[in-house]
PDB file of N, CA and C in Angstrom:
ATOM      1  N   MET A   1     -66.355  64.202 -25.245  1.00  0.00           N
ATOM      2  CA  MET A   1     -67.194  63.423 -24.372  1.00  0.00           C
ATOM      3  C   MET A   1     -68.647  63.607 -24.811  1.00  0.00           C
ATOM      4  N   PRO A   2     -69.325  62.524 -25.128  1.00  0.00           N
ATOM      5  CA  PRO A   2     -70.704  62.637 -25.608  1.00  0.00           C
ATOM      6  C   PRO A   2     -71.655  63.047 -24.490  1.00  0.00           C
ATOM      7  N   LYS A   3     -72.773  63.621 -24.898  1.00  0.00           N
ATOM      8  CA  LYS A   3     -73.776  64.056 -23.942  1.00  0.00           C
ATOM      9  C   LYS A   3     -74.403  62.845 -23.266  1.00  0.00           C
ATOM     10  N   VAL A   4     -74.630  62.961 -21.973  1.00  0.00           N
ATOM     11  CA  VAL A   4     -75.230  61.885 -21.204  1.00  0.00           C
ATOM     12  C   VAL A   4     -76.701  61.766 -21.574  1.00  0.00           C
ATOM     13  N   LYS A   5     -77.143  60.576 -21.881  1.00  0.00           N
ATOM     14  CA  LYS A   5     -78.540  60.318 -22.204  1.00  0.00           C
ATOM     15  C   LYS A   5     -79.299  60.063 -20.900  1.00  0.00           C
ATOM     16  N   LEU A   6     -80.185  60.983 -20.544  1.00  0.00           N
ATOM     17  CA  LEU A   6     -80.900  60.862 -19.286  1.00  0.00           C
ATOM     18  C   LEU A   6     -81.846  59.667 -19.265  1.00  0.00           C
ATOM     19  N   GLU A   7     -82.388  59.282 -20.409  1.00  0.00           N
ATOM     20  CA  GLU A   7     -83.263  58.112 -20.447  1.00  0.00           C
ATOM     21  C   GLU A   7     -82.510  56.869 -19.967  1.00  0.00           C
ATOM     22  N   GLU A   8     -81.257  56.756 -20.393  1.00  0.00           N
ATOM     23  CA  GLU A   8     -80.446  55.610 -19.995  1.00  0.00           C
ATOM     24  C   GLU A   8     -80.064  55.702 -18.518  1.00  0.00           C
ATOM     25  N   MET A   9     -79.774  56.915 -18.048  1.00  0.00           N
ATOM     26  CA  MET A   9     -79.343  57.086 -16.672  1.00  0.00           C
ATOM     27  C   MET A   9     -80.481  56.869 -15.679  1.00  0.00           C
ATOM     28  N   ARG A  10     -81.705  57.170 -16.088  1.00  0.00           N
ATOM     29  CA  ARG A  10     -82.856  56.981 -15.199  1.00  0.00           C
ATOM     30  C   ARG A  10     -83.104  55.503 -14.916  1.00  0.00           C
ATOM     31  N   LYS A  11     -82.609  54.633 -15.765  1.00  0.00           N
ATOM     32  CA  LYS A  11     -82.784  53.196 -15.570  1.00  0.00           C
ATOM     33  C   LYS A  11     -81.838  52.658 -14.494  1.00  0.00           C
ATOM     34  N   LEU A  12     -80.773  53.393 -14.181  1.00  0.00           N
ATOM     35  CA  LEU A  12     -79.793  52.937 -13.195  1.00  0.00           C
ATOM     36  C   LEU A  12     -80.269  53.252 -11.786  1.00  0.00           C
ATOM     37  N   ASN A  13     -79.771  52.490 -10.826  1.00  0.00           N
ATOM     38  CA  ASN A  13     -80.120  52.775  -9.438  1.00  0.00           C
ATOM     39  C   ASN A  13     -79.170  53.822  -8.863  1.00  0.00           C
ATOM     40  N   LEU A  14     -79.484  54.302  -7.678  1.00  0.00           N
ATOM     41  CA  LEU A  14     -78.766  55.416  -7.073  1.00  0.00           C
ATOM     42  C   LEU A  14     -77.271  55.134  -6.847  1.00  0.00           C
ATOM     43  N   PRO A  15     -76.888  53.993  -6.268  1.00  0.00           N
ATOM     44  CA  PRO A  15     -75.444  53.746  -6.083  1.00  0.00           C
ATOM     45  C   PRO A  15     -74.654  53.715  -7.392  1.00  0.00           C
ATOM     46  N   MET A  16     -75.269  53.184  -8.440  1.00  0.00           N
ATOM     47  CA  MET A  16     -74.574  53.132  -9.727  1.00  0.00           C
ATOM     48  C   MET A  16     -74.396  54.531 -10.298  1.00  0.00           C
ATOM     49  N   LEU A  17     -75.400  55.395 -10.114  1.00  0.00           N
ATOM     50  CA  LEU A  17     -75.280  56.771 -10.584  1.00  0.00           C
ATOM     51  C   LEU A  17     -74.184  57.518  -9.832  1.00  0.00           C
ATOM     52  N   GLU A  18     -74.138  57.321  -8.515  1.00  0.00           N
ATOM     53  CA  GLU A  18     -73.103  57.980  -7.718  1.00  0.00           C
ATOM     54  C   GLU A  18     -71.712  57.514  -8.135  1.00  0.00           C
ATOM     55  N   GLU A  19     -71.585  56.233  -8.444  1.00  0.00           N
ATOM     56  CA  GLU A  19     -70.303  55.702  -8.915  1.00  0.00           C
ATOM     57  C   GLU A  19     -69.927  56.330 -10.258  1.00  0.00           C
ATOM     58  N   ARG A  20     -70.908  56.505 -11.111  1.00  0.00           N
ATOM     59  CA  ARG A  20     -70.678  57.124 -12.426  1.00  0.00           C
ATOM     60  C   ARG A  20     -70.228  58.573 -12.279  1.00  0.00           C
ATOM     61  N   VAL A  21     -70.809  59.299 -11.312  1.00  0.00           N
ATOM     62  CA  VAL A  21     -70.419  60.693 -11.063  1.00  0.00           C
ATOM     63  C   VAL A  21     -68.957  60.748 -10.624  1.00  0.00           C
ATOM     64  N   ILE A  22     -68.583  59.859  -9.734  1.00  0.00           N
ATOM     65  CA  ILE A  22     -67.193  59.822  -9.260  1.00  0.00           C
ATOM     66  C   ILE A  22     -66.242  59.543 -10.417  1.00  0.00           C
ATOM     67  N   GLN A  23     -66.609  58.594 -11.264  1.00  0.00           N
ATOM     68  CA  GLN A  23     -65.778  58.259 -12.425  1.00  0.00           C
ATOM     69  C   GLN A  23     -65.626  59.468 -13.351  1.00  0.00           C
ATOM     70  N   MET A  24     -66.713  60.194 -13.573  1.00  0.00           N
ATOM     71  CA  MET A  24     -66.662  61.354 -14.458  1.00  0.00           C
ATOM     72  C   MET A  24     -65.830  62.481 -13.845  1.00  0.00           C
ATOM     73  N   LYS A  25     -65.872  62.617 -12.528  1.00  0.00           N
ATOM     74  CA  LYS A  25     -65.048  63.636 -11.873  1.00  0.00           C
ATOM     75  C   LYS A  25     -63.562  63.314 -12.005  1.00  0.00           C
ATOM     76  N   VAL A  26     -63.232  62.034 -11.948  1.00  0.00           N
ATOM     77  CA  VAL A  26     -61.840  61.617 -12.136  1.00  0.00           C
ATOM     78  C   VAL A  26     -61.398  61.930 -13.560  1.00  0.00           C
ATOM     79  N   ASP A  27     -62.266  61.647 -14.521  1.00  0.00           N
ATOM     80  CA  ASP A  27     -61.947  61.957 -15.917  1.00  0.00           C
ATOM     81  C   ASP A  27     -61.774  63.463 -16.122  1.00  0.00           C
ATOM     82  N   LEU A  28     -62.615  64.252 -15.471  1.00  0.00           N
ATOM     83  CA  LEU A  28     -62.504  65.704 -15.571  1.00  0.00           C
ATOM     84  C   LEU A  28     -61.178  66.185 -14.997  1.00  0.00           C
ATOM     85  N   ALA A  29     -60.767  65.635 -13.868  1.00  0.00           N
ATOM     86  CA  ALA A  29     -59.487  66.011 -13.276  1.00  0.00           C
ATOM     87  C   ALA A  29     -58.328  65.669 -14.212  1.00  0.00           C
ATOM     88  N   ARG A  30     -58.432  64.513 -14.877  1.00  0.00           N
ATOM     89  CA  ARG A  30     -57.400  64.109 -15.831  1.00  0.00           C
ATOM     90  C   ARG A  30     -57.342  65.086 -17.006  1.00  0.00           C
ATOM     91  N   LEU A  31     -58.511  65.492 -17.496  1.00  0.00           N
ATOM     92  CA  LEU A  31     -58.556  66.448 -18.606  1.00  0.00           C
ATOM     93  C   LEU A  31     -57.961  67.794 -18.204  1.00  0.00           C
ATOM     94  N   LYS A  32     -58.301  68.247 -17.012  1.00  0.00           N
ATOM     95  CA  LYS A  32     -57.770  69.533 -16.540  1.00  0.00           C
ATOM     96  C   LYS A  32     -56.259  69.479 -16.380  1.00  0.00           C
ATOM     97  N   ALA A  33     -55.757  68.360 -15.869  1.00  0.00           N
ATOM     98  CA  ALA A  33     -54.314  68.215 -15.694  1.00  0.00           C
ATOM     99  C   ALA A  33     -53.597  68.210 -17.037  1.00  0.00           C
ATOM    100  N   ALA A  34     -54.167  67.523 -18.007  1.00  0.00           N
ATOM    101  CA  ALA A  34     -53.553  67.473 -19.336  1.00  0.00           C
ATOM    102  C   ALA A  34     -53.559  68.855 -19.978  1.00  0.00           C
ATOM    103  N   THR A  35     -54.614  69.612 -19.754  1.00  0.00           N
ATOM    104  CA  THR A  35     -54.695  70.962 -20.312  1.00  0.00           C
ATOM    105  C   THR A  35     -53.679  71.883 -19.654  1.00  0.00           C
ATOM    106  N   GLU A  36     -53.521  71.768 -18.344  1.00  0.00           N
ATOM    107  CA  GLU A  36     -52.556  72.596 -17.622  1.00  0.00           C
ATOM    108  C   GLU A  36     -51.122  72.315 -18.078  1.00  0.00           C
ATOM    109  N   ARG A  37     -50.836  71.046 -18.315  1.00  0.00           N
ATOM    110  CA  ARG A  37     -49.501  70.692 -18.790  1.00  0.00           C
ATOM    111  C   ARG A  37     -49.276  71.173 -20.210  1.00  0.00           C
ATOM    112  N   GLY A  38     -50.373  71.336 -20.938  1.00  0.00           N
ATOM    113  CA  GLY A  38     -50.267  71.753 -22.323  1.00  0.00           C
ATOM    114  C   GLY A  38     -49.874  70.620 -23.239  1.00  0.00           C
ATOM    115  N   SER A  39     -50.013  69.406 -22.749  1.00  0.00           N
ATOM    116  CA  SER A  39     -49.578  68.266 -23.546  1.00  0.00           C
ATOM    117  C   SER A  39     -50.563  67.924 -24.660  1.00  0.00           C
ATOM    118  N   VAL A  40     -51.840  68.116 -24.417  1.00  0.00           N
ATOM    119  CA  VAL A  40     -52.837  67.751 -25.413  1.00  0.00           C
ATOM    120  C   VAL A  40     -53.791  68.927 -25.603  1.00  0.00           C
ATOM    121  N   LYS A  41     -53.702  69.572 -26.737  1.00  0.00           N
ATOM    122  CA  LYS A  41     -54.544  70.736 -27.007  1.00  0.00           C
ATOM    123  C   LYS A  41     -55.976  70.346 -27.335  1.00  0.00           C
ATOM    124  N   LYS A  42     -56.162  69.192 -27.976  1.00  0.00           N
ATOM    125  CA  LYS A  42     -57.503  68.827 -28.438  1.00  0.00           C
ATOM    126  C   LYS A  42     -58.439  68.475 -27.287  1.00  0.00           C
ATOM    127  N   GLU A  43     -57.912  68.169 -26.097  1.00  0.00           N
ATOM    128  CA  GLU A  43     -58.765  67.819 -24.968  1.00  0.00           C
ATOM    129  C   GLU A  43     -59.290  69.046 -24.233  1.00  0.00           C
ATOM    130  N   ALA A  44     -58.832  70.223 -24.579  1.00  0.00           N
ATOM    131  CA  ALA A  44     -59.294  71.434 -23.918  1.00  0.00           C
ATOM    132  C   ALA A  44     -60.781  71.655 -24.170  1.00  0.00           C
ATOM    133  N   GLY A  45     -61.284  71.263 -25.304  1.00  0.00           N
ATOM    134  CA  GLY A  45     -62.690  71.418 -25.636  1.00  0.00           C
ATOM    135  C   GLY A  45     -63.591  70.367 -25.020  1.00  0.00           C
ATOM    136  N   LYS A  46     -63.041  69.425 -24.306  1.00  0.00           N
ATOM    137  CA  LYS A  46     -63.835  68.366 -23.691  1.00  0.00           C
ATOM    138  C   LYS A  46     -64.189  68.674 -22.240  1.00  0.00           C
ATOM    139  N   ILE A  47     -63.596  69.733 -21.684  1.00  0.00           N
ATOM    140  CA  ILE A  47     -63.817  70.048 -20.280  1.00  0.00           C
ATOM    141  C   ILE A  47     -65.245  70.532 -20.034  1.00  0.00           C
ATOM    142  N   ARG A  48     -65.713  71.430 -20.836  1.00  0.00           N
ATOM    143  CA  ARG A  48     -67.054  71.989 -20.625  1.00  0.00           C
ATOM    144  C   ARG A  48     -68.152  70.921 -20.735  1.00  0.00           C
ATOM    145  N   PRO A  49     -68.144  70.076 -21.773  1.00  0.00           N
ATOM    146  CA  PRO A  49     -69.161  69.010 -21.817  1.00  0.00           C
ATOM    147  C   PRO A  49     -69.058  68.055 -20.630  1.00  0.00           C
ATOM    148  N   ALA A  50     -67.854  67.798 -20.156  1.00  0.00           N
ATOM    149  CA  ALA A  50     -67.685  66.912 -19.008  1.00  0.00           C
ATOM    150  C   ALA A  50     -68.327  67.524 -17.768  1.00  0.00           C
ATOM    151  N   ARG A  51     -68.118  68.812 -17.564  1.00  0.00           N
ATOM    152  CA  ARG A  51     -68.723  69.493 -16.423  1.00  0.00           C
ATOM    153  C   ARG A  51     -70.241  69.473 -16.506  1.00  0.00           C
ATOM    154  N   ARG A  52     -70.764  69.651 -17.690  1.00  0.00           N
ATOM    155  CA  ARG A  52     -72.218  69.643 -17.870  1.00  0.00           C
ATOM    156  C   ARG A  52     -72.806  68.248 -17.644  1.00  0.00           C
ATOM    157  N   ASN A  53     -72.099  67.226 -18.096  1.00  0.00           N
ATOM    158  CA  ASN A  53     -72.567  65.864 -17.862  1.00  0.00           C
ATOM    159  C   ASN A  53     -72.599  65.545 -16.373  1.00  0.00           C
ATOM    160  N   ILE A  54     -71.594  65.986 -15.646  1.00  0.00           N
ATOM    161  CA  ILE A  54     -71.555  65.780 -14.203  1.00  0.00           C
ATOM    162  C   ILE A  54     -72.743  66.480 -13.555  1.00  0.00           C
ATOM    163  N   ALA A  55     -73.026  67.697 -13.992  1.00  0.00           N
ATOM    164  CA  ALA A  55     -74.156  68.448 -13.437  1.00  0.00           C
ATOM    165  C   ALA A  55     -75.474  67.729 -13.734  1.00  0.00           C
ATOM    166  N   ARG A  56     -75.616  67.182 -14.924  1.00  0.00           N
ATOM    167  CA  ARG A  56     -76.836  66.446 -15.269  1.00  0.00           C
ATOM    168  C   ARG A  56     -77.016  65.238 -14.346  1.00  0.00           C
ATOM    169  N   LEU A  57     -75.945  64.508 -14.139  1.00  0.00           N
ATOM    170  CA  LEU A  57     -76.031  63.329 -13.285  1.00  0.00           C
ATOM    171  C   LEU A  57     -76.313  63.701 -11.835  1.00  0.00           C
ATOM    172  N   LEU A  58     -75.676  64.766 -11.343  1.00  0.00           N
ATOM    173  CA  LEU A  58     -75.925  65.190  -9.971  1.00  0.00           C
ATOM    174  C   LEU A  58     -77.368  65.650  -9.787  1.00  0.00           C
ATOM    175  N   THR A  59     -77.925  66.295 -10.792  1.00  0.00           N
ATOM    176  CA  THR A  59     -79.323  66.701 -10.734  1.00  0.00           C
ATOM    177  C   THR A  59     -80.218  65.474 -10.627  1.00  0.00           C
ATOM    178  N   LEU A  60     -79.935  64.473 -11.415  1.00  0.00           N
ATOM    179  CA  LEU A  60     -80.707  63.235 -11.388  1.00  0.00           C
ATOM    180  C   LEU A  60     -80.566  62.532 -10.035  1.00  0.00           C
ATOM    181  N   VAL A  61     -79.358  62.510  -9.482  1.00  0.00           N
ATOM    182  CA  VAL A  61     -79.127  61.889  -8.169  1.00  0.00           C
ATOM    183  C   VAL A  61     -79.938  62.623  -7.105  1.00  0.00           C
ATOM    184  N   ASN A  62     -79.921  63.947  -7.136  1.00  0.00           N
ATOM    185  CA  ASN A  62     -80.668  64.716  -6.151  1.00  0.00           C
ATOM    186  C   ASN A  62     -82.167  64.485  -6.278  1.00  0.00           C
ATOM    187  N   GLN A  63     -82.681  64.387  -7.494  1.00  0.00           N
ATOM    188  CA  GLN A  63     -84.095  64.109  -7.698  1.00  0.00           C
ATOM    189  C   GLN A  63     -84.467  62.744  -7.134  1.00  0.00           C
ATOM    190  N   MET A  64     -83.619  61.759  -7.374  1.00  0.00           N
ATOM    191  CA  MET A  64     -83.901  60.413  -6.879  1.00  0.00           C
ATOM    192  C   MET A  64     -83.864  60.369  -5.353  1.00  0.00           C
ATOM    193  N   GLU A  65     -82.943  61.101  -4.742  1.00  0.00           N
ATOM    194  CA  GLU A  65     -82.867  61.141  -3.278  1.00  0.00           C
ATOM    195  C   GLU A  65     -84.107  61.805  -2.695  1.00  0.00           C
ATOM    196  N   ARG A  66     -84.581  62.877  -3.326  1.00  0.00           N
ATOM    197  CA  ARG A  66     -85.784  63.548  -2.847  1.00  0.00           C
ATOM    198  C   ARG A  66     -87.000  62.641  -2.967  1.00  0.00           C
ATOM    199  N   GLU A  67     -87.111  61.904  -4.051  1.00  0.00           N
ATOM    200  CA  GLU A  67     -88.222  60.979  -4.238  1.00  0.00           C
ATOM    201  C   GLU A  67     -88.183  59.853  -3.209  1.00  0.00           C
ATOM    202  N   ARG A  68     -86.991  59.415  -2.890  1.00  0.00           N
ATOM    203  CA  ARG A  68     -86.833  58.334  -1.928  1.00  0.00           C
ATOM    204  C   ARG A  68     -87.236  58.781  -0.526  1.00  0.00           C
ATOM    205  N   LYS A  69     -86.947  60.041  -0.188  1.00  0.00           N
ATOM    206  CA  LYS A  69     -87.293  60.559   1.136  1.00  0.00           C
ATOM    207  C   LYS A  69     -88.783  60.833   1.266  1.00  0.00           C
ATOM    208  N   SER A  70     -89.450  61.087   0.172  1.00  0.00           N
ATOM    209  CA  SER A  70     -90.888  61.414   0.236  1.00  0.00           C
ATOM    210  C   SER A  70     -91.756  60.201   0.404  1.00  0.00           C
TER     211      SER A  70
END
């Protein structure tokens, strides 16, 4: 999973970012399930970048919410 480009994500509005976070969480769950089953070994290395991308997006969402409230 490639690293999320924050420049591109900053151009999106808040609902679209939240939708993207949900989509990435679903993908992460799929990766974890595949790893637990042991069906695909090569996807085990994709879990950590996926978690980090989710964290990046959540940080951006929280920043946008704080700016909106101010």
